Amino acid sequence: MSRMSCPITRAEFQKQAQPLKLVINGVEMQAMVKEFSTGSFGWYLTGKLNVQVSGKHVPIQVGVNMTVIGSKELAK
């Protein structure tokens, strides 16, 4: 796969990006804007919720990273 250039500057992202609403199994959660230790940026979500399996409540841990493609290569 060829590399894609990032369509937004780091400064634009830091100023304009907003949390993203995600719905997982009917539960609304918010992914927060984040700059990752790798230098890339995007959104991050961590949390816990229950899902039903075979009529039983099963606790799960949710971890989601959404990284803007090409953001790691932008100047800091």
PDB file of N, CA and C in Angstrom:
ATOM      1  N   MET A   1       0.838  -1.167   0.000  1.00  0.00           N
ATOM      2  CA  MET A   1       0.000   0.000   0.000  1.00  0.00           C
ATOM      3  C   MET A   1       0.891   1.241   0.000  1.00  0.00           C
ATOM      4  N   SER A   2       0.570   2.215  -0.842  1.00  0.00           N
ATOM      5  CA  SER A   2       1.373   3.425  -0.903  1.00  0.00           C
ATOM      6  C   SER A   2       1.029   4.347   0.263  1.00  0.00           C
ATOM      7  N   ARG A   3       1.990   5.166   0.648  1.00  0.00           N
ATOM      8  CA  ARG A   3       1.773   6.104   1.756  1.00  0.00           C
ATOM      9  C   ARG A   3       0.889   7.249   1.304  1.00  0.00           C
ATOM     10  N   MET A   4       0.048   7.704   2.219  1.00  0.00           N
ATOM     11  CA  MET A   4      -0.820   8.845   1.944  1.00  0.00           C
ATOM     12  C   MET A   4      -0.282  10.036   2.717  1.00  0.00           C
ATOM     13  N   SER A   5      -0.385  11.214   2.118  1.00  0.00           N
ATOM     14  CA  SER A   5       0.025  12.405   2.846  1.00  0.00           C
ATOM     15  C   SER A   5      -1.129  12.859   3.739  1.00  0.00           C
ATOM     16  N   CYS A   6      -0.784  13.468   4.831  1.00  0.00           N
ATOM     17  CA  CYS A   6      -1.781  13.918   5.790  1.00  0.00           C
ATOM     18  C   CYS A   6      -2.472  15.175   5.244  1.00  0.00           C
ATOM     19  N   PRO A   7      -3.799  15.189   5.208  1.00  0.00           N
ATOM     20  CA  PRO A   7      -4.520  16.318   4.616  1.00  0.00           C
ATOM     21  C   PRO A   7      -4.703  17.513   5.558  1.00  0.00           C
ATOM     22  N   ILE A   8      -4.156  17.454   6.781  1.00  0.00           N
ATOM     23  CA  ILE A   8      -4.338  18.526   7.761  1.00  0.00           C
ATOM     24  C   ILE A   8      -3.013  18.753   8.476  1.00  0.00           C
ATOM     25  N   THR A   9      -2.773  19.987   8.876  1.00  0.00           N
ATOM     26  CA  THR A   9      -1.549  20.254   9.634  1.00  0.00           C
ATOM     27  C   THR A   9      -1.754  19.871  11.094  1.00  0.00           C
ATOM     28  N   ARG A  10      -0.660  19.702  11.792  1.00  0.00           N
ATOM     29  CA  ARG A  10      -0.713  19.375  13.218  1.00  0.00           C
ATOM     30  C   ARG A  10      -1.420  20.499  13.988  1.00  0.00           C
ATOM     31  N   ALA A  11      -1.103  21.748  13.653  1.00  0.00           N
ATOM     32  CA  ALA A  11      -1.714  22.898  14.333  1.00  0.00           C
ATOM     33  C   ALA A  11      -3.221  22.950  14.084  1.00  0.00           C
ATOM     34  N   GLU A  12      -3.649  22.682  12.854  1.00  0.00           N
ATOM     35  CA  GLU A  12      -5.088  22.678  12.541  1.00  0.00           C
ATOM     36  C   GLU A  12      -5.806  21.598  13.348  1.00  0.00           C
ATOM     37  N   PHE A  13      -5.198  20.420  13.389  1.00  0.00           N
ATOM     38  CA  PHE A  13      -5.813  19.322  14.131  1.00  0.00           C
ATOM     39  C   PHE A  13      -5.933  19.671  15.612  1.00  0.00           C
ATOM     40  N   GLN A  14      -4.847  20.177  16.203  1.00  0.00           N
ATOM     41  CA  GLN A  14      -4.862  20.505  17.630  1.00  0.00           C
ATOM     42  C   GLN A  14      -5.914  21.568  17.942  1.00  0.00           C
ATOM     43  N   LYS A  15      -6.123  22.494  17.036  1.00  0.00           N
ATOM     44  CA  LYS A  15      -7.065  23.589  17.271  1.00  0.00           C
ATOM     45  C   LYS A  15      -8.515  23.194  16.997  1.00  0.00           C
ATOM     46  N   GLN A  16      -8.752  22.350  15.991  1.00  0.00           N
ATOM     47  CA  GLN A  16     -10.102  22.116  15.498  1.00  0.00           C
ATOM     48  C   GLN A  16     -10.715  20.750  15.822  1.00  0.00           C
ATOM     49  N   ALA A  17      -9.902  19.756  16.114  1.00  0.00           N
ATOM     50  CA  ALA A  17     -10.439  18.399  16.322  1.00  0.00           C
ATOM     51  C   ALA A  17     -11.312  18.344  17.573  1.00  0.00           C
ATOM     52  N   GLN A  18     -12.388  17.606  17.496  1.00  0.00           N
ATOM     53  CA  GLN A  18     -13.339  17.440  18.592  1.00  0.00           C
ATOM     54  C   GLN A  18     -13.461  15.950  18.930  1.00  0.00           C
ATOM     55  N   PRO A  19     -13.901  15.641  20.150  1.00  0.00           N
ATOM     56  CA  PRO A  19     -14.137  14.232  20.487  1.00  0.00           C
ATOM     57  C   PRO A  19     -15.143  13.602  19.517  1.00  0.00           C
ATOM     58  N   LEU A  20     -15.013  12.300  19.299  1.00  0.00           N
ATOM     59  CA  LEU A  20     -15.904  11.557  18.412  1.00  0.00           C
ATOM     60  C   LEU A  20     -16.812  10.651  19.234  1.00  0.00           C
ATOM     61  N   LYS A  21     -18.084  10.646  18.875  1.00  0.00           N
ATOM     62  CA  LYS A  21     -19.035   9.767  19.546  1.00  0.00           C
ATOM     63  C   LYS A  21     -18.995   8.403  18.865  1.00  0.00           C
ATOM     64  N   LEU A  22     -18.833   7.360  19.656  1.00  0.00           N
ATOM     65  CA  LEU A  22     -18.893   5.988  19.169  1.00  0.00           C
ATOM     66  C   LEU A  22     -19.997   5.268  19.921  1.00  0.00           C
ATOM     67  N   VAL A  23     -20.712   4.412  19.235  1.00  0.00           N
ATOM     68  CA  VAL A  23     -21.724   3.596  19.886  1.00  0.00           C
ATOM     69  C   VAL A  23     -21.285   2.145  19.739  1.00  0.00           C
ATOM     70  N   ILE A  24     -21.065   1.493  20.876  1.00  0.00           N
ATOM     71  CA  ILE A  24     -20.613   0.109  20.894  1.00  0.00           C
ATOM     72  C   ILE A  24     -21.667  -0.709  21.623  1.00  0.00           C
ATOM     73  N   ASN A  25     -22.299  -1.600  20.889  1.00  0.00           N
ATOM     74  CA  ASN A  25     -23.339  -2.454  21.457  1.00  0.00           C
ATOM     75  C   ASN A  25     -24.436  -1.629  22.145  1.00  0.00           C
ATOM     76  N   GLY A  26     -24.750  -0.488  21.528  1.00  0.00           N
ATOM     77  CA  GLY A  26     -25.800   0.369  22.053  1.00  0.00           C
ATOM     78  C   GLY A  26     -25.362   1.343  23.137  1.00  0.00           C
ATOM     79  N   VAL A  27     -24.107   1.298  23.539  1.00  0.00           N
ATOM     80  CA  VAL A  27     -23.588   2.180  24.581  1.00  0.00           C
ATOM     81  C   VAL A  27     -22.788   3.303  23.922  1.00  0.00           C
ATOM     82  N   GLU A  28     -23.193   4.550  24.216  1.00  0.00           N
ATOM     83  CA  GLU A  28     -22.485   5.702  23.652  1.00  0.00           C
ATOM     84  C   GLU A  28     -21.222   5.974  24.455  1.00  0.00           C
ATOM     85  N   MET A  29     -20.102   6.134  23.727  1.00  0.00           N
ATOM     86  CA  MET A  29     -18.812   6.425  24.358  1.00  0.00           C
ATOM     87  C   MET A  29     -18.159   7.547  23.551  1.00  0.00           C
ATOM     88  N   GLN A  30     -17.210   8.267  24.164  1.00  0.00           N
ATOM     89  CA  GLN A  30     -16.521   9.344  23.462  1.00  0.00           C
ATOM     90  C   GLN A  30     -15.044   9.039  23.325  1.00  0.00           C
ATOM     91  N   ALA A  31     -14.567   9.139  22.086  1.00  0.00           N
ATOM     92  CA  ALA A  31     -13.140   9.025  21.814  1.00  0.00           C
ATOM     93  C   ALA A  31     -12.560  10.433  21.889  1.00  0.00           C
ATOM     94  N   MET A  32     -11.546  10.606  22.702  1.00  0.00           N
ATOM     95  CA  MET A  32     -10.962  11.917  22.926  1.00  0.00           C
ATOM     96  C   MET A  32      -9.808  12.182  21.964  1.00  0.00           C
ATOM     97  N   VAL A  33      -9.616  13.451  21.635  1.00  0.00           N
ATOM     98  CA  VAL A  33      -8.517  13.877  20.779  1.00  0.00           C
ATOM     99  C   VAL A  33      -7.208  13.579  21.505  1.00  0.00           C
ATOM    100  N   LYS A  34      -6.225  13.063  20.756  1.00  0.00           N
ATOM    101  CA  LYS A  34      -4.976  12.663  21.415  1.00  0.00           C
ATOM    102  C   LYS A  34      -3.798  12.758  20.452  1.00  0.00           C
ATOM    103  N   GLU A  35      -2.658  13.173  21.002  1.00  0.00           N
ATOM    104  CA  GLU A  35      -1.397  13.042  20.280  1.00  0.00           C
ATOM    105  C   GLU A  35      -0.675  11.873  20.931  1.00  0.00           C
ATOM    106  N   PHE A  36      -0.376  10.869  20.136  1.00  0.00           N
ATOM    107  CA  PHE A  36       0.229   9.642  20.640  1.00  0.00           C
ATOM    108  C   PHE A  36       1.737   9.809  20.841  1.00  0.00           C
ATOM    109  N   SER A  37       2.325   8.966  21.655  1.00  0.00           N
ATOM    110  CA  SER A  37       3.761   9.046  21.947  1.00  0.00           C
ATOM    111  C   SER A  37       4.614   8.833  20.696  1.00  0.00           C
ATOM    112  N   THR A  38       4.048   8.233  19.676  1.00  0.00           N
ATOM    113  CA  THR A  38       4.776   8.008  18.422  1.00  0.00           C
ATOM    114  C   THR A  38       4.899   9.277  17.587  1.00  0.00           C
ATOM    115  N   GLY A  39       4.116  10.317  17.961  1.00  0.00           N
ATOM    116  CA  GLY A  39       4.110  11.555  17.189  1.00  0.00           C
ATOM    117  C   GLY A  39       2.892  11.673  16.298  1.00  0.00           C
ATOM    118  N   SER A  40       2.185  10.590  16.082  1.00  0.00           N
ATOM    119  CA  SER A  40       0.964  10.649  15.284  1.00  0.00           C
ATOM    120  C   SER A  40      -0.167  11.185  16.156  1.00  0.00           C
ATOM    121  N   PHE A  41      -1.275  11.577  15.523  1.00  0.00           N
ATOM    122  CA  PHE A  41      -2.405  12.078  16.287  1.00  0.00           C
ATOM    123  C   PHE A  41      -3.703  11.510  15.763  1.00  0.00           C
ATOM    124  N   GLY A  42      -4.736  11.619  16.592  1.00  0.00           N
ATOM    125  CA  GLY A  42      -6.038  11.087  16.231  1.00  0.00           C
ATOM    126  C   GLY A  42      -6.946  11.077  17.445  1.00  0.00           C
ATOM    127  N   TRP A  43      -7.606   9.954  17.703  1.00  0.00           N
ATOM    128  CA  TRP A  43      -8.546   9.830  18.818  1.00  0.00           C
ATOM    129  C   TRP A  43      -8.265   8.538  19.567  1.00  0.00           C
ATOM    130  N   TYR A  44      -8.620   8.547  20.859  1.00  0.00           N
ATOM    131  CA  TYR A  44      -8.352   7.416  21.732  1.00  0.00           C
ATOM    132  C   TYR A  44      -9.553   7.200  22.651  1.00  0.00           C
ATOM    133  N   LEU A  45      -9.902   5.956  22.829  1.00  0.00           N
ATOM    134  CA  LEU A  45     -11.010   5.606  23.708  1.00  0.00           C
ATOM    135  C   LEU A  45     -10.636   4.383  24.513  1.00  0.00           C
ATOM    136  N   THR A  46     -10.892   4.426  25.803  1.00  0.00           N
ATOM    137  CA  THR A  46     -10.742   3.261  26.647  1.00  0.00           C
ATOM    138  C   THR A  46     -11.900   3.251  27.638  1.00  0.00           C
ATOM    139  N   GLY A  47     -12.385   2.083  27.944  1.00  0.00           N
ATOM    140  CA  GLY A  47     -13.501   1.979  28.876  1.00  0.00           C
ATOM    141  C   GLY A  47     -13.904   0.536  29.081  1.00  0.00           C
ATOM    142  N   LYS A  48     -14.924   0.362  29.887  1.00  0.00           N
ATOM    143  CA  LYS A  48     -15.445  -0.977  30.161  1.00  0.00           C
ATOM    144  C   LYS A  48     -16.948  -0.946  29.990  1.00  0.00           C
ATOM    145  N   LEU A  49     -17.498  -2.053  29.537  1.00  0.00           N
ATOM    146  CA  LEU A  49     -18.942  -2.204  29.435  1.00  0.00           C
ATOM    147  C   LEU A  49     -19.288  -3.675  29.457  1.00  0.00           C
ATOM    148  N   ASN A  50     -20.566  -3.966  29.521  1.00  0.00           N
ATOM    149  CA  ASN A  50     -21.037  -5.350  29.531  1.00  0.00           C
ATOM    150  C   ASN A  50     -21.725  -5.671  28.220  1.00  0.00           C
ATOM    151  N   VAL A  51     -21.531  -6.882  27.737  1.00  0.00           N
ATOM    152  CA  VAL A  51     -22.260  -7.399  26.584  1.00  0.00           C
ATOM    153  C   VAL A  51     -22.940  -8.692  27.022  1.00  0.00           C
ATOM    154  N   GLN A  52     -24.001  -9.040  26.338  1.00  0.00           N
ATOM    155  CA  GLN A  52     -24.683 -10.288  26.676  1.00  0.00           C
ATOM    156  C   GLN A  52     -24.246 -11.391  25.724  1.00  0.00           C
ATOM    157  N   VAL A  53     -23.888 -12.511  26.315  1.00  0.00           N
ATOM    158  CA  VAL A  53     -23.543 -13.708  25.563  1.00  0.00           C
ATOM    159  C   VAL A  53     -24.272 -14.865  26.239  1.00  0.00           C
ATOM    160  N   SER A  54     -25.101 -15.550  25.473  1.00  0.00           N
ATOM    161  CA  SER A  54     -25.843 -16.689  26.008  1.00  0.00           C
ATOM    162  C   SER A  54     -26.655 -16.312  27.245  1.00  0.00           C
ATOM    163  N   GLY A  55     -27.217 -15.072  27.221  1.00  0.00           N
ATOM    164  CA  GLY A  55     -28.046 -14.619  28.329  1.00  0.00           C
ATOM    165  C   GLY A  55     -27.285 -14.174  29.559  1.00  0.00           C
ATOM    166  N   LYS A  56     -25.952 -14.135  29.466  1.00  0.00           N
ATOM    167  CA  LYS A  56     -25.128 -13.732  30.606  1.00  0.00           C
ATOM    168  C   LYS A  56     -24.440 -12.406  30.315  1.00  0.00           C
ATOM    169  N   HIS A  57     -24.324 -11.565  31.344  1.00  0.00           N
ATOM    170  CA  HIS A  57     -23.587 -10.310  31.209  1.00  0.00           C
ATOM    171  C   HIS A  57     -22.089 -10.610  31.266  1.00  0.00           C
ATOM    172  N   VAL A  58     -21.391 -10.216  30.222  1.00  0.00           N
ATOM    173  CA  VAL A  58     -19.956 -10.464  30.128  1.00  0.00           C
ATOM    174  C   VAL A  58     -19.242  -9.116  30.118  1.00  0.00           C
ATOM    175  N   PRO A  59     -18.394  -8.843  31.123  1.00  0.00           N
ATOM    176  CA  PRO A  59     -17.670  -7.570  31.141  1.00  0.00           C
ATOM    177  C   PRO A  59     -16.543  -7.586  30.108  1.00  0.00           C
ATOM    178  N   ILE A  60     -16.435  -6.477  29.374  1.00  0.00           N
ATOM    179  CA  ILE A  60     -15.352  -6.363  28.391  1.00  0.00           C
ATOM    180  C   ILE A  60     -14.627  -5.039  28.595  1.00  0.00           C
ATOM    181  N   GLN A  61     -13.404  -5.010  28.157  1.00  0.00           N
ATOM    182  CA  GLN A  61     -12.623  -3.775  28.149  1.00  0.00           C
ATOM    183  C   GLN A  61     -12.492  -3.327  26.712  1.00  0.00           C
ATOM    184  N   VAL A  62     -12.758  -2.046  26.473  1.00  0.00           N
ATOM    185  CA  VAL A  62     -12.710  -1.481  25.138  1.00  0.00           C
ATOM    186  C   VAL A  62     -11.470  -0.608  25.020  1.00  0.00           C
ATOM    187  N   GLY A  63     -10.725  -0.775  23.937  1.00  0.00           N
ATOM    188  CA  GLY A  63      -9.579   0.080  23.628  1.00  0.00           C
ATOM    189  C   GLY A  63      -9.584   0.383  22.146  1.00  0.00           C
ATOM    190  N   VAL A  64      -9.673   1.657  21.793  1.00  0.00           N
ATOM    191  CA  VAL A  64      -9.737   2.050  20.388  1.00  0.00           C
ATOM    192  C   VAL A  64      -8.731   3.166  20.138  1.00  0.00           C
ATOM    193  N   ASN A  65      -7.878   2.991  19.154  1.00  0.00           N
ATOM    194  CA  ASN A  65      -6.994   4.046  18.642  1.00  0.00           C
ATOM    195  C   ASN A  65      -7.426   4.343  17.225  1.00  0.00           C
ATOM    196  N   MET A  66      -7.660   5.599  16.915  1.00  0.00           N
ATOM    197  CA  MET A  66      -7.969   6.029  15.548  1.00  0.00           C
ATOM    198  C   MET A  66      -6.923   7.060  15.175  1.00  0.00           C
ATOM    199  N   THR A  67      -6.033   6.688  14.281  1.00  0.00           N
ATOM    200  CA  THR A  67      -4.893   7.520  13.930  1.00  0.00           C
ATOM    201  C   THR A  67      -5.088   8.148  12.559  1.00  0.00           C
ATOM    202  N   VAL A  68      -4.826   9.448  12.460  1.00  0.00           N
ATOM    203  CA  VAL A  68      -4.894  10.129  11.173  1.00  0.00           C
ATOM    204  C   VAL A  68      -3.725   9.624  10.335  1.00  0.00           C
ATOM    205  N   ILE A  69      -4.032   9.068   9.197  1.00  0.00           N
ATOM    206  CA  ILE A  69      -2.993   8.499   8.329  1.00  0.00           C
ATOM    207  C   ILE A  69      -2.040   9.602   7.884  1.00  0.00           C
ATOM    208  N   GLY A  70      -0.749   9.343   8.033  1.00  0.00           N
ATOM    209  CA  GLY A  70       0.285  10.289   7.622  1.00  0.00           C
ATOM    210  C   GLY A  70       0.643  11.316   8.681  1.00  0.00           C
ATOM    211  N   SER A  71      -0.038  11.317   9.821  1.00  0.00           N
ATOM    212  CA  SER A  71       0.212  12.352  10.834  1.00  0.00           C
ATOM    213  C   SER A  71       1.562  12.189  11.530  1.00  0.00           C
ATOM    214  N   LYS A  72       2.064  10.989  11.585  1.00  0.00           N
ATOM    215  CA  LYS A  72       3.349  10.755  12.257  1.00  0.00           C
ATOM    216  C   LYS A  72       4.495  11.470  11.539  1.00  0.00           C
ATOM    217  N   GLU A  73       4.361  11.598  10.231  1.00  0.00           N
ATOM    218  CA  GLU A  73       5.435  12.195   9.434  1.00  0.00           C
ATOM    219  C   GLU A  73       5.443  13.713   9.463  1.00  0.00           C
ATOM    220  N   LEU A  74       4.419  14.344  10.017  1.00  0.00           N
ATOM    221  CA  LEU A  74       4.361  15.811  10.067  1.00  0.00           C
ATOM    222  C   LEU A  74       5.350  16.363  11.074  1.00  0.00           C
ATOM    223  N   ALA A  75       5.870  17.539  10.791  1.00  0.00           N
ATOM    224  CA  ALA A  75       6.788  18.197  11.717  1.00  0.00           C
ATOM    225  C   ALA A  75       6.069  18.537  13.012  1.00  0.00           C
ATOM    226  N   LYS A  76       6.792  18.469  14.110  1.00  0.00           N
ATOM    227  CA  LYS A  76       6.192  18.760  15.418  1.00  0.00           C
ATOM    228  C   LYS A  76       6.283  20.238  15.729  1.00  0.00           C
TER     229      LYS A  76
END
